[in-house]
């Protein structure tokens, strides 16, 4: 029984993590006047599935802008939670918040509020873009700041940055990303144009695959881990579907809101 519970726990954690692995991508080559593929108020909702079982839901939302040091900043929020059935085995209620400058050239801070099983964590990563450092604080205990490359962003901001950078002329992109523990150069490769079915409609999309070399957790433990992401090929670049293959099984995050059809 204990062995089976541990396996299910790993599977549930992987499902809750699937949407967080968009982490990746390149140099800021646009300004705050660049037309963004997303707007304030955009909310994307996903169903998280392991095999044929619905394991949870997740949402991504662009919040109203705020001012930091007199300058406009972008705010992004992500929520993830398991279904009532999975709650009985391993309950997940996670919230991720990121704040970056209006051109996504750098992050200001990154917050993780995690409730996973019996564990609860409140983590804040604060970016000092003058000193090029990031400081990780968990349970009011601050770690020594780590050095970061100029223009480093947090994982959630990286998702939205990806949407800006993907287009017909791009084969691969890269960007420095940090979660406050280490600074990595994330890479993603554009595989091809593809057609996928969402809510009964066929939608043209870009299929991209992140480099899994620097991804931790269950992905690091999987010898042949693979992650595939489909972004709509229109000017919104909406994440439509994510598929992953790891040591504890295959997972899918599928867009269930109708925003892609409008």
Foldseek 3Di string as FASTA:
>chain_A
DVVVLVLLLQVLVCLQCQVLPLQWFAALPDDLPDDALDDAFDKWKKFKDFPPRGFWIKMKHWHDWDDDPRATKTKIKMWIWTDPVCVVRKTWTKMKMWIGGSSLQETAKIWIFIDIRPDTKTWMWGADLVQQWIWIAIPNDIDDIDHEDRSEYESVSSNSVVLVPDADVDAKGWGWYDPRPDIDIKIKGFDDWDWDDAPRDTFIWTKMWIDLPPPDRQSVVFPDKTKIWTFGRPSNRHTAKMWIQGPSGIMMIGTNDCPVVD
